[in-house]
Full PDB file with SEQRES, HELIX, SHEET, SSBOND, CRYST1, ORIGX, SCALE, CONECT and MASTER records, all heavy atoms in Angstrom:
SEQRES   1 A   39  PRO ALA ALA ALA ALA SER ALA ARG LEU ASP ARG PRO ASP          
SEQRES   2 A   39  GLY SER ILE GLN SER LEU GLY VAL ARG LEU THR ALA ASP          
SEQRES   3 A   39  GLY HIS GLY ALA ASP ALA THR GLU ALA PRO ALA PHE GLY          
SHEET    1 AA1 2 LEU A   9  ASP A  10  0                                        
SHEET    2 AA1 2 ILE A  16  SER A  18 -1                                        
SHEET    1 AA2 2 GLY A  20  LEU A  23  0                                        
SHEET    2 AA2 2 GLY A  29  ALA A  32 -1                                        
CRYST1    1.000    1.000    1.000  90.00  90.00  90.00 P 1           1          
ORIGX1      1.000000  0.000000  0.000000        0.00000                         
ORIGX2      0.000000  1.000000  0.000000        0.00000                         
ORIGX3      0.000000  0.000000  1.000000        0.00000                         
SCALE1      1.000000  0.000000  0.000000        0.00000                         
SCALE2      0.000000  1.000000  0.000000        0.00000                         
SCALE3      0.000000  0.000000  1.000000        0.00000                         
ATOM      1  N   PRO A   1     -24.105  -5.316   7.871  1.00  0.00           N  
ATOM      2  CA  PRO A   1     -23.348  -4.529   8.841  1.00  0.00           C  
ATOM      3  C   PRO A   1     -21.895  -4.274   8.452  1.00  0.00           C  
ATOM      4  O   PRO A   1     -21.154  -3.629   9.182  1.00  0.00           O  
ATOM      5  CB  PRO A   1     -23.416  -5.403  10.099  1.00  0.00           C  
ATOM      6  CG  PRO A   1     -23.491  -6.796   9.573  1.00  0.00           C  
ATOM      7  CD  PRO A   1     -24.300  -6.710   8.301  1.00  0.00           C  
ATOM      8  N   ALA A   2     -21.470  -4.781   7.301  1.00  0.00           N  
ATOM      9  CA  ALA A   2     -20.065  -4.644   6.892  1.00  0.00           C  
ATOM     10  C   ALA A   2     -19.748  -3.192   6.542  1.00  0.00           C  
ATOM     11  O   ALA A   2     -20.634  -2.375   6.286  1.00  0.00           O  
ATOM     12  CB  ALA A   2     -19.773  -5.544   5.698  1.00  0.00           C  
ATOM     13  N   ALA A   3     -18.454  -2.883   6.516  1.00  0.00           N  
ATOM     14  CA  ALA A   3     -17.997  -1.535   6.161  1.00  0.00           C  
ATOM     15  C   ALA A   3     -17.762  -1.381   4.668  1.00  0.00           C  
ATOM     16  O   ALA A   3     -17.714  -0.254   4.170  1.00  0.00           O  
ATOM     17  CB  ALA A   3     -16.713  -1.207   6.909  1.00  0.00           C  
ATOM     18  N   ALA A   4     -17.614  -2.488   3.945  1.00  0.00           N  
ATOM     19  CA  ALA A   4     -17.349  -2.405   2.510  1.00  0.00           C  
ATOM     20  C   ALA A   4     -17.826  -3.676   1.828  1.00  0.00           C  
ATOM     21  O   ALA A   4     -17.885  -4.751   2.443  1.00  0.00           O  
ATOM     22  CB  ALA A   4     -15.859  -2.192   2.243  1.00  0.00           C  
ATOM     23  N   ALA A   5     -18.165  -3.524   0.548  1.00  0.00           N  
ATOM     24  CA  ALA A   5     -18.573  -4.665  -0.270  1.00  0.00           C  
ATOM     25  C   ALA A   5     -17.863  -4.570  -1.604  1.00  0.00           C  
ATOM     26  O   ALA A   5     -17.850  -3.514  -2.237  1.00  0.00           O  
ATOM     27  CB  ALA A   5     -20.090  -4.670  -0.480  1.00  0.00           C  
ATOM     28  N   SER A   6     -17.267  -5.671  -2.027  1.00  0.00           N  
ATOM     29  CA  SER A   6     -16.510  -5.701  -3.277  1.00  0.00           C  
ATOM     30  C   SER A   6     -17.320  -6.403  -4.356  1.00  0.00           C  
ATOM     31  O   SER A   6     -17.912  -7.457  -4.120  1.00  0.00           O  
ATOM     32  CB  SER A   6     -15.180  -6.421  -3.073  1.00  0.00           C  
ATOM     33  OG  SER A   6     -14.330  -6.262  -4.197  1.00  0.00           O  
ATOM     34  N   ALA A   7     -17.355  -5.801  -5.540  1.00  0.00           N  
ATOM     35  CA  ALA A   7     -18.103  -6.355  -6.663  1.00  0.00           C  
ATOM     36  C   ALA A   7     -17.240  -7.333  -7.456  1.00  0.00           C  
ATOM     37  O   ALA A   7     -16.060  -7.532  -7.171  1.00  0.00           O  
ATOM     38  CB  ALA A   7     -18.590  -5.223  -7.568  1.00  0.00           C  
ATOM     39  N   ARG A   8     -17.861  -7.942  -8.467  1.00  0.00           N  
ATOM     40  CA  ARG A   8     -17.131  -8.802  -9.398  1.00  0.00           C  
ATOM     41  C   ARG A   8     -16.781  -8.003 -10.642  1.00  0.00           C  
ATOM     42  O   ARG A   8     -17.658  -7.432 -11.290  1.00  0.00           O  
ATOM     43  CB  ARG A   8     -17.971 -10.017  -9.786  1.00  0.00           C  
ATOM     44  CG  ARG A   8     -17.357 -10.801 -10.957  1.00  0.00           C  
ATOM     45  CD  ARG A   8     -18.120 -12.053 -11.279  1.00  0.00           C  
ATOM     46  NE  ARG A   8     -17.641 -12.636 -12.531  1.00  0.00           N  
ATOM     47  CZ  ARG A   8     -17.626 -13.932 -12.806  1.00  0.00           C  
ATOM     48  NH1 ARG A   8     -18.092 -14.789 -11.911  1.00  0.00           N  
ATOM     49  NH2 ARG A   8     -17.174 -14.382 -13.962  1.00  0.00           N  
ATOM     50  N   LEU A   9     -15.499  -7.947 -10.965  1.00  0.00           N  
ATOM     51  CA  LEU A   9     -15.037  -7.297 -12.181  1.00  0.00           C  
ATOM     52  C   LEU A   9     -14.710  -8.362 -13.220  1.00  0.00           C  
ATOM     53  O   LEU A   9     -13.938  -9.290 -12.942  1.00  0.00           O  
ATOM     54  CB  LEU A   9     -13.809  -6.433 -11.919  1.00  0.00           C  
ATOM     55  CG  LEU A   9     -14.056  -5.037 -11.351  1.00  0.00           C  
ATOM     56  CD1 LEU A   9     -14.423  -5.127  -9.870  1.00  0.00           C  
ATOM     57  CD2 LEU A   9     -12.833  -4.157 -11.522  1.00  0.00           C  
ATOM     58  N   ASP A  10     -15.304  -8.221 -14.390  1.00  0.00           N  
ATOM     59  CA  ASP A  10     -15.044  -9.127 -15.503  1.00  0.00           C  
ATOM     60  C   ASP A  10     -14.277  -8.403 -16.602  1.00  0.00           C  
ATOM     61  O   ASP A  10     -14.480  -7.201 -16.839  1.00  0.00           O  
ATOM     62  CB  ASP A  10     -16.353  -9.645 -16.097  1.00  0.00           C  
ATOM     63  CG  ASP A  10     -17.071 -10.621 -15.180  1.00  0.00           C  
ATOM     64  OD1 ASP A  10     -16.390 -11.323 -14.427  1.00  0.00           O  
ATOM     65  OD2 ASP A  10     -18.315 -10.668 -15.235  1.00  0.00           O  
ATOM     66  N   ARG A  11     -13.404  -9.126 -17.277  1.00  0.00           N  
ATOM     67  CA  ARG A  11     -12.740  -8.581 -18.455  1.00  0.00           C  
ATOM     68  C   ARG A  11     -13.758  -8.454 -19.586  1.00  0.00           C  
ATOM     69  O   ARG A  11     -14.831  -9.069 -19.547  1.00  0.00           O  
ATOM     70  CB  ARG A  11     -11.582  -9.484 -18.870  1.00  0.00           C  
ATOM     71  CG  ARG A  11     -10.501  -9.639 -17.795  1.00  0.00           C  
ATOM     72  CD  ARG A  11      -9.375 -10.535 -18.273  1.00  0.00           C  
ATOM     73  NE  ARG A  11      -8.368 -10.729 -17.233  1.00  0.00           N  
ATOM     74  CZ  ARG A  11      -8.399 -11.710 -16.326  1.00  0.00           C  
ATOM     75  NH1 ARG A  11      -9.409 -12.607 -16.368  1.00  0.00           N  
ATOM     76  NH2 ARG A  11      -7.466 -11.825 -15.419  1.00  0.00           N  
ATOM     77  N   PRO A  12     -13.438  -7.675 -20.604  1.00  0.00           N  
ATOM     78  CA  PRO A  12     -14.379  -7.522 -21.718  1.00  0.00           C  
ATOM     79  C   PRO A  12     -14.785  -8.841 -22.371  1.00  0.00           C  
ATOM     80  O   PRO A  12     -15.874  -8.931 -22.954  1.00  0.00           O  
ATOM     81  CB  PRO A  12     -13.612  -6.627 -22.700  1.00  0.00           C  
ATOM     82  CG  PRO A  12     -12.726  -5.797 -21.821  1.00  0.00           C  
ATOM     83  CD  PRO A  12     -12.290  -6.732 -20.724  1.00  0.00           C  
ATOM     84  N   ASP A  13     -13.937  -9.881 -22.284  1.00  0.00           N  
ATOM     85  CA  ASP A  13     -14.293 -11.174 -22.876  1.00  0.00           C  
ATOM     86  C   ASP A  13     -15.181 -12.016 -21.971  1.00  0.00           C  
ATOM     87  O   ASP A  13     -15.542 -13.148 -22.313  1.00  0.00           O  
ATOM     88  CB  ASP A  13     -13.035 -11.962 -23.252  1.00  0.00           C  
ATOM     89  CG  ASP A  13     -12.183 -12.355 -22.043  1.00  0.00           C  
ATOM     90  OD1 ASP A  13     -12.604 -12.102 -20.894  1.00  0.00           O  
ATOM     91  OD2 ASP A  13     -11.083 -12.916 -22.250  1.00  0.00           O  
ATOM     92  N   GLY A  14     -15.529 -11.481 -20.786  1.00  0.00           N  
ATOM     93  CA  GLY A  14     -16.422 -12.178 -19.872  1.00  0.00           C  
ATOM     94  C   GLY A  14     -15.723 -12.985 -18.798  1.00  0.00           C  
ATOM     95  O   GLY A  14     -16.369 -13.470 -17.856  1.00  0.00           O  
ATOM     96  N   SER A  15     -14.408 -13.156 -18.905  1.00  0.00           N  
ATOM     97  CA  SER A  15     -13.675 -13.897 -17.878  1.00  0.00           C  
ATOM     98  C   SER A  15     -13.509 -13.040 -16.628  1.00  0.00           C  
ATOM     99  O   SER A  15     -13.462 -11.809 -16.702  1.00  0.00           O  
ATOM    100  CB  SER A  15     -12.308 -14.336 -18.405  1.00  0.00           C  
ATOM    101  OG  SER A  15     -11.514 -13.206 -18.728  1.00  0.00           O  
ATOM    102  N   ILE A  16     -13.413 -13.699 -15.492  1.00  0.00           N  
ATOM    103  CA  ILE A  16     -13.332 -12.967 -14.236  1.00  0.00           C  
ATOM    104  C   ILE A  16     -11.945 -12.356 -14.052  1.00  0.00           C  
ATOM    105  O   ILE A  16     -10.928 -13.009 -14.279  1.00  0.00           O  
ATOM    106  CB  ILE A  16     -13.696 -13.879 -13.046  1.00  0.00           C  
ATOM    107  CG1 ILE A  16     -13.714 -13.074 -11.752  1.00  0.00           C  
ATOM    108  CG2 ILE A  16     -12.748 -15.057 -12.940  1.00  0.00           C  
ATOM    109  CD1 ILE A  16     -14.293 -13.832 -10.579  1.00  0.00           C  
ATOM    110  N   GLN A  17     -11.926 -11.101 -13.672  1.00  0.00           N  
ATOM    111  CA  GLN A  17     -10.676 -10.436 -13.324  1.00  0.00           C  
ATOM    112  C   GLN A  17     -10.484 -10.409 -11.814  1.00  0.00           C  
ATOM    113  O   GLN A  17      -9.413 -10.715 -11.305  1.00  0.00           O  
ATOM    114  CB  GLN A  17     -10.658  -9.002 -13.843  1.00  0.00           C  
ATOM    115  CG  GLN A  17      -9.410  -8.222 -13.409  1.00  0.00           C  
ATOM    116  CD  GLN A  17      -9.607  -6.722 -13.490  1.00  0.00           C  
ATOM    117  OE1 GLN A  17     -10.348  -6.225 -14.331  1.00  0.00           O  
ATOM    118  NE2 GLN A  17      -8.965  -5.988 -12.603  1.00  0.00           N  
ATOM    119  N   SER A  18     -11.546 -10.053 -11.081  1.00  0.00           N  
ATOM    120  CA  SER A  18     -11.367  -9.859  -9.642  1.00  0.00           C  
ATOM    121  C   SER A  18     -12.697  -9.898  -8.906  1.00  0.00           C  
ATOM    122  O   SER A  18     -13.713  -9.389  -9.393  1.00  0.00           O  
ATOM    123  CB  SER A  18     -10.686  -8.509  -9.382  1.00  0.00           C  
ATOM    124  OG  SER A  18     -10.584  -8.250  -7.994  1.00  0.00           O  
ATOM    125  N   LEU A  19     -12.655 -10.494  -7.707  1.00  0.00           N  
ATOM    126  CA  LEU A  19     -13.749 -10.387  -6.744  1.00  0.00           C  
ATOM    127  C   LEU A  19     -13.354  -9.484  -5.576  1.00  0.00           C  
ATOM    128  O   LEU A  19     -14.143  -9.288  -4.654  1.00  0.00           O  
ATOM    129  CB  LEU A  19     -14.125 -11.773  -6.191  1.00  0.00           C  
ATOM    130  CG  LEU A  19     -14.797 -12.732  -7.155  1.00  0.00           C  
ATOM    131  CD1 LEU A  19     -15.011 -14.087  -6.488  1.00  0.00           C  
ATOM    132  CD2 LEU A  19     -16.132 -12.180  -7.643  1.00  0.00           C  
ATOM    133  N   GLY A  20     -12.147  -8.990  -5.624  1.00  0.00           N  
ATOM    134  CA  GLY A  20     -11.611  -8.194  -4.531  1.00  0.00           C  
ATOM    135  C   GLY A  20     -10.115  -8.389  -4.460  1.00  0.00           C  
ATOM    136  O   GLY A  20      -9.475  -8.787  -5.441  1.00  0.00           O  
ATOM    137  N   VAL A  21      -9.544  -8.136  -3.294  1.00  0.00           N  
ATOM    138  CA  VAL A  21      -8.099  -8.228  -3.104  1.00  0.00           C  
ATOM    139  C   VAL A  21      -7.781  -9.367  -2.143  1.00  0.00           C  
ATOM    140  O   VAL A  21      -8.397  -9.484  -1.074  1.00  0.00           O  
ATOM    141  CB  VAL A  21      -7.539  -6.903  -2.532  1.00  0.00           C  
ATOM    142  CG1 VAL A  21      -6.075  -7.044  -2.158  1.00  0.00           C  
ATOM    143  CG2 VAL A  21      -7.717  -5.781  -3.554  1.00  0.00           C  
ATOM    144  N   ARG A  22      -6.815 -10.206  -2.540  1.00  0.00           N  
ATOM    145  CA  ARG A  22      -6.289 -11.211  -1.620  1.00  0.00           C  
ATOM    146  C   ARG A  22      -4.914 -10.769  -1.155  1.00  0.00           C  
ATOM    147  O   ARG A  22      -4.223 -10.004  -1.832  1.00  0.00           O  
ATOM    148  CB  ARG A  22      -6.221 -12.593  -2.264  1.00  0.00           C  
ATOM    149  CG  ARG A  22      -5.301 -12.689  -3.465  1.00  0.00           C  
ATOM    150  CD  ARG A  22      -5.383 -14.065  -4.113  1.00  0.00           C  
ATOM    151  NE  ARG A  22      -4.550 -14.129  -5.302  1.00  0.00           N  
ATOM    152  CZ  ARG A  22      -3.265 -14.477  -5.313  1.00  0.00           C  
ATOM    153  NH1 ARG A  22      -2.658 -14.819  -4.173  1.00  0.00           N  
ATOM    154  NH2 ARG A  22      -2.578 -14.508  -6.436  1.00  0.00           N  
ATOM    155  N   LEU A  23      -4.509 -11.256   0.006  1.00  0.00           N  
ATOM    156  CA  LEU A  23      -3.227 -10.881   0.593  1.00  0.00           C  
ATOM    157  C   LEU A  23      -2.280 -12.061   0.488  1.00  0.00           C  
ATOM    158  O   LEU A  23      -2.550 -13.147   1.014  1.00  0.00           O  
ATOM    159  CB  LEU A  23      -3.436 -10.489   2.063  1.00  0.00           C  
ATOM    160  CG  LEU A  23      -2.281  -9.824   2.802  1.00  0.00           C  
ATOM    161  CD1 LEU A  23      -1.870  -8.535   2.108  1.00  0.00           C  
ATOM    162  CD2 LEU A  23      -2.678  -9.550   4.245  1.00  0.00           C  
ATOM    163  N   THR A  24      -1.148 -11.879  -0.228  1.00  0.00           N  
ATOM    164  CA  THR A  24      -0.213 -12.975  -0.422  1.00  0.00           C  
ATOM    165  C   THR A  24       0.744 -13.089   0.769  1.00  0.00           C  
ATOM    166  O   THR A  24       0.838 -12.195   1.609  1.00  0.00           O  
ATOM    167  CB  THR A  24       0.610 -12.774  -1.705  1.00  0.00           C  
ATOM    168  OG1 THR A  24       1.512 -11.673  -1.516  1.00  0.00           O  
ATOM    169  CG2 THR A  24      -0.292 -12.490  -2.902  1.00  0.00           C  
ATOM    170  N   ALA A  25       1.467 -14.192   0.810  1.00  0.00           N  
ATOM    171  CA  ALA A  25       2.364 -14.458   1.934  1.00  0.00           C  
ATOM    172  C   ALA A  25       3.513 -13.467   2.008  1.00  0.00           C  
ATOM    173  O   ALA A  25       4.139 -13.320   3.065  1.00  0.00           O  
ATOM    174  CB  ALA A  25       2.911 -15.885   1.835  1.00  0.00           C  
ATOM    175  N   ASP A  26       3.816 -12.777   0.889  1.00  0.00           N  
ATOM    176  CA  ASP A  26       4.868 -11.758   0.925  1.00  0.00           C  
ATOM    177  C   ASP A  26       4.282 -10.342   0.910  1.00  0.00           C  
ATOM    178  O   ASP A  26       4.987  -9.376   0.619  1.00  0.00           O  
ATOM    179  CB  ASP A  26       5.867 -11.950  -0.214  1.00  0.00           C  
ATOM    180  CG  ASP A  26       5.209 -11.954  -1.587  1.00  0.00           C  
ATOM    181  OD1 ASP A  26       3.968 -11.849  -1.652  1.00  0.00           O  
ATOM    182  OD2 ASP A  26       5.942 -12.071  -2.593  1.00  0.00           O  
ATOM    183  N   GLY A  27       2.996 -10.237   1.213  1.00  0.00           N  
ATOM    184  CA  GLY A  27       2.399  -8.925   1.411  1.00  0.00           C  
ATOM    185  C   GLY A  27       1.964  -8.197   0.171  1.00  0.00           C  
ATOM    186  O   GLY A  27       1.782  -6.981   0.203  1.00  0.00           O  
ATOM    187  N   HIS A  28       1.782  -8.916  -0.915  1.00  0.00           N  
ATOM    188  CA  HIS A  28       1.215  -8.289  -2.106  1.00  0.00           C  
ATOM    189  C   HIS A  28      -0.310  -8.299  -2.026  1.00  0.00           C  
ATOM    190  O   HIS A  28      -0.912  -9.263  -1.529  1.00  0.00           O  
ATOM    191  CB  HIS A  28       1.644  -9.025  -3.379  1.00  0.00           C  
ATOM    192  CG  HIS A  28       3.032  -8.722  -3.826  1.00  0.00           C  
ATOM    193  ND1 HIS A  28       4.132  -9.405  -3.345  1.00  0.00           N  
ATOM    194  CD2 HIS A  28       3.513  -7.795  -4.697  1.00  0.00           C  
ATOM    195  CE1 HIS A  28       5.229  -8.926  -3.916  1.00  0.00           C  
ATOM    196  NE2 HIS A  28       4.882  -7.949  -4.730  1.00  0.00           N  
ATOM    197  N   GLY A  29      -0.917  -7.248  -2.524  1.00  0.00           N  
ATOM    198  CA  GLY A  29      -2.351  -7.260  -2.743  1.00  0.00           C  
ATOM    199  C   GLY A  29      -2.594  -7.704  -4.167  1.00  0.00           C  
ATOM    200  O   GLY A  29      -2.175  -7.025  -5.108  1.00  0.00           O  
ATOM    201  N   ALA A  30      -3.243  -8.841  -4.338  1.00  0.00           N  
ATOM    202  CA  ALA A  30      -3.444  -9.409  -5.673  1.00  0.00           C  
ATOM    203  C   ALA A  30      -4.933  -9.613  -5.920  1.00  0.00           C  
ATOM    204  O   ALA A  30      -5.733  -9.657  -4.987  1.00  0.00           O  
ATOM    205  CB  ALA A  30      -2.698 -10.740  -5.795  1.00  0.00           C  
ATOM    206  N   ASP A  31      -5.294  -9.756  -7.197  1.00  0.00           N  
ATOM    207  CA  ASP A  31      -6.688 -10.004  -7.525  1.00  0.00           C  
ATOM    208  C   ASP A  31      -7.145 -11.326  -6.926  1.00  0.00           C  
ATOM    209  O   ASP A  31      -6.480 -12.360  -7.089  1.00  0.00           O  
ATOM    210  CB  ASP A  31      -6.882 -10.050  -9.044  1.00  0.00           C  
ATOM    211  CG  ASP A  31      -6.875  -8.673  -9.685  1.00  0.00           C  
ATOM    212  OD1 ASP A  31      -7.313  -7.710  -9.034  1.00  0.00           O  
ATOM    213  OD2 ASP A  31      -6.425  -8.559 -10.840  1.00  0.00           O  
ATOM    214  N   ALA A  32      -8.272 -11.303  -6.239  1.00  0.00           N  
ATOM    215  CA  ALA A  32      -8.888 -12.518  -5.715  1.00  0.00           C  
ATOM    216  C   ALA A  32      -9.945 -12.982  -6.693  1.00  0.00           C  
ATOM    217  O   ALA A  32     -10.757 -12.184  -7.174  1.00  0.00           O  
ATOM    218  CB  ALA A  32      -9.518 -12.247  -4.350  1.00  0.00           C  
ATOM    219  N   THR A  33      -9.956 -14.276  -6.999  1.00  0.00           N  
ATOM    220  CA  THR A  33     -10.976 -14.830  -7.880  1.00  0.00           C  
ATOM    221  C   THR A  33     -11.864 -15.831  -7.144  1.00  0.00           C  
ATOM    222  O   THR A  33     -12.690 -16.498  -7.757  1.00  0.00           O  
ATOM    223  CB  THR A  33     -10.343 -15.501  -9.103  1.00  0.00           C  
ATOM    224  OG1 THR A  33      -9.388 -16.477  -8.676  1.00  0.00           O  
ATOM    225  CG2 THR A  33      -9.633 -14.456  -9.974  1.00  0.00           C  
ATOM    226  N   GLU A  34     -11.676 -15.921  -5.835  1.00  0.00           N  
ATOM    227  CA  GLU A  34     -12.528 -16.748  -4.992  1.00  0.00           C  
ATOM    228  C   GLU A  34     -12.946 -15.940  -3.772  1.00  0.00           C  
ATOM    229  O   GLU A  34     -12.197 -15.104  -3.276  1.00  0.00           O  
ATOM    230  CB  GLU A  34     -11.797 -18.022  -4.541  1.00  0.00           C  
ATOM    231  CG  GLU A  34     -11.422 -18.961  -5.679  1.00  0.00           C  
ATOM    232  CD  GLU A  34     -10.713 -20.211  -5.171  1.00  0.00           C  
ATOM    233  OE1 GLU A  34     -10.448 -20.299  -3.947  1.00  0.00           O  
ATOM    234  OE2 GLU A  34     -10.417 -21.091  -5.991  1.00  0.00           O  
ATOM    235  N   ALA A  35     -14.139 -16.200  -3.293  1.00  0.00           N  
ATOM    236  CA  ALA A  35     -14.649 -15.532  -2.092  1.00  0.00           C  
ATOM    237  C   ALA A  35     -14.409 -16.423  -0.876  1.00  0.00           C  
ATOM    238  O   ALA A  35     -14.372 -17.644  -0.989  1.00  0.00           O  
ATOM    239  CB  ALA A  35     -16.134 -15.246  -2.258  1.00  0.00           C  
ATOM    240  N   PRO A  36     -14.225 -15.813   0.309  1.00  0.00           N  
ATOM    241  CA  PRO A  36     -14.215 -14.371   0.562  1.00  0.00           C  
ATOM    242  C   PRO A  36     -12.854 -13.758   0.255  1.00  0.00           C  
ATOM    243  O   PRO A  36     -11.837 -14.436   0.307  1.00  0.00           O  
ATOM    244  CB  PRO A  36     -14.522 -14.291   2.056  1.00  0.00           C  
ATOM    245  CG  PRO A  36     -13.911 -15.543   2.625  1.00  0.00           C  
ATOM    246  CD  PRO A  36     -14.109 -16.598   1.566  1.00  0.00           C  
ATOM    247  N   ALA A  37     -12.864 -12.476  -0.040  1.00  0.00           N  
ATOM    248  CA  ALA A  37     -11.628 -11.744  -0.309  1.00  0.00           C  
ATOM    249  C   ALA A  37     -11.222 -10.948   0.922  1.00  0.00           C  
ATOM    250  O   ALA A  37     -12.064 -10.551   1.724  1.00  0.00           O  
ATOM    251  CB  ALA A  37     -11.813 -10.807  -1.494  1.00  0.00           C  
ATOM    252  N   PHE A  38      -9.928 -10.725   1.059  1.00  0.00           N  
ATOM    253  CA  PHE A  38      -9.406  -9.916   2.159  1.00  0.00           C  
ATOM    254  C   PHE A  38      -9.938  -8.492   2.098  1.00  0.00           C  
ATOM    255  O   PHE A  38     -10.354  -7.908   3.093  1.00  0.00           O  
ATOM    256  CB  PHE A  38      -7.878  -9.915   2.106  1.00  0.00           C  
ATOM    257  CG  PHE A  38      -7.223  -8.857   2.955  1.00  0.00           C  
ATOM    258  CD1 PHE A  38      -7.233  -8.948   4.335  1.00  0.00           C  
ATOM    259  CD2 PHE A  38      -6.597  -7.763   2.359  1.00  0.00           C  
ATOM    260  CE1 PHE A  38      -6.627  -7.966   5.123  1.00  0.00           C  
ATOM    261  CE2 PHE A  38      -5.992  -6.793   3.136  1.00  0.00           C  
ATOM    262  CZ  PHE A  38      -6.012  -6.892   4.518  1.00  0.00           C  
ATOM    263  N   GLY A  39      -9.901  -7.908   0.901  1.00  0.00           N  
ATOM    264  CA  GLY A  39     -10.299  -6.517   0.748  1.00  0.00           C  
ATOM    265  C   GLY A  39     -11.115  -6.304  -0.506  1.00  0.00           C  
ATOM    266  O   GLY A  39     -11.360  -7.231  -1.285  1.00  0.00           O  
TER     267      GLY A  39                                                      
MASTER        0    0    0    0    4    0    0    6  266    1    0    3          
END                                                                             
């Protein structure tokens, strides 16, 4: 029932880049590497 689903993005070397966007305490949208992600 969700409105959006975020995939896992890996770098070419296989390391994780992002599972989505996390929201920092100063309002930055940063790469999330743990679930659940904000966006």
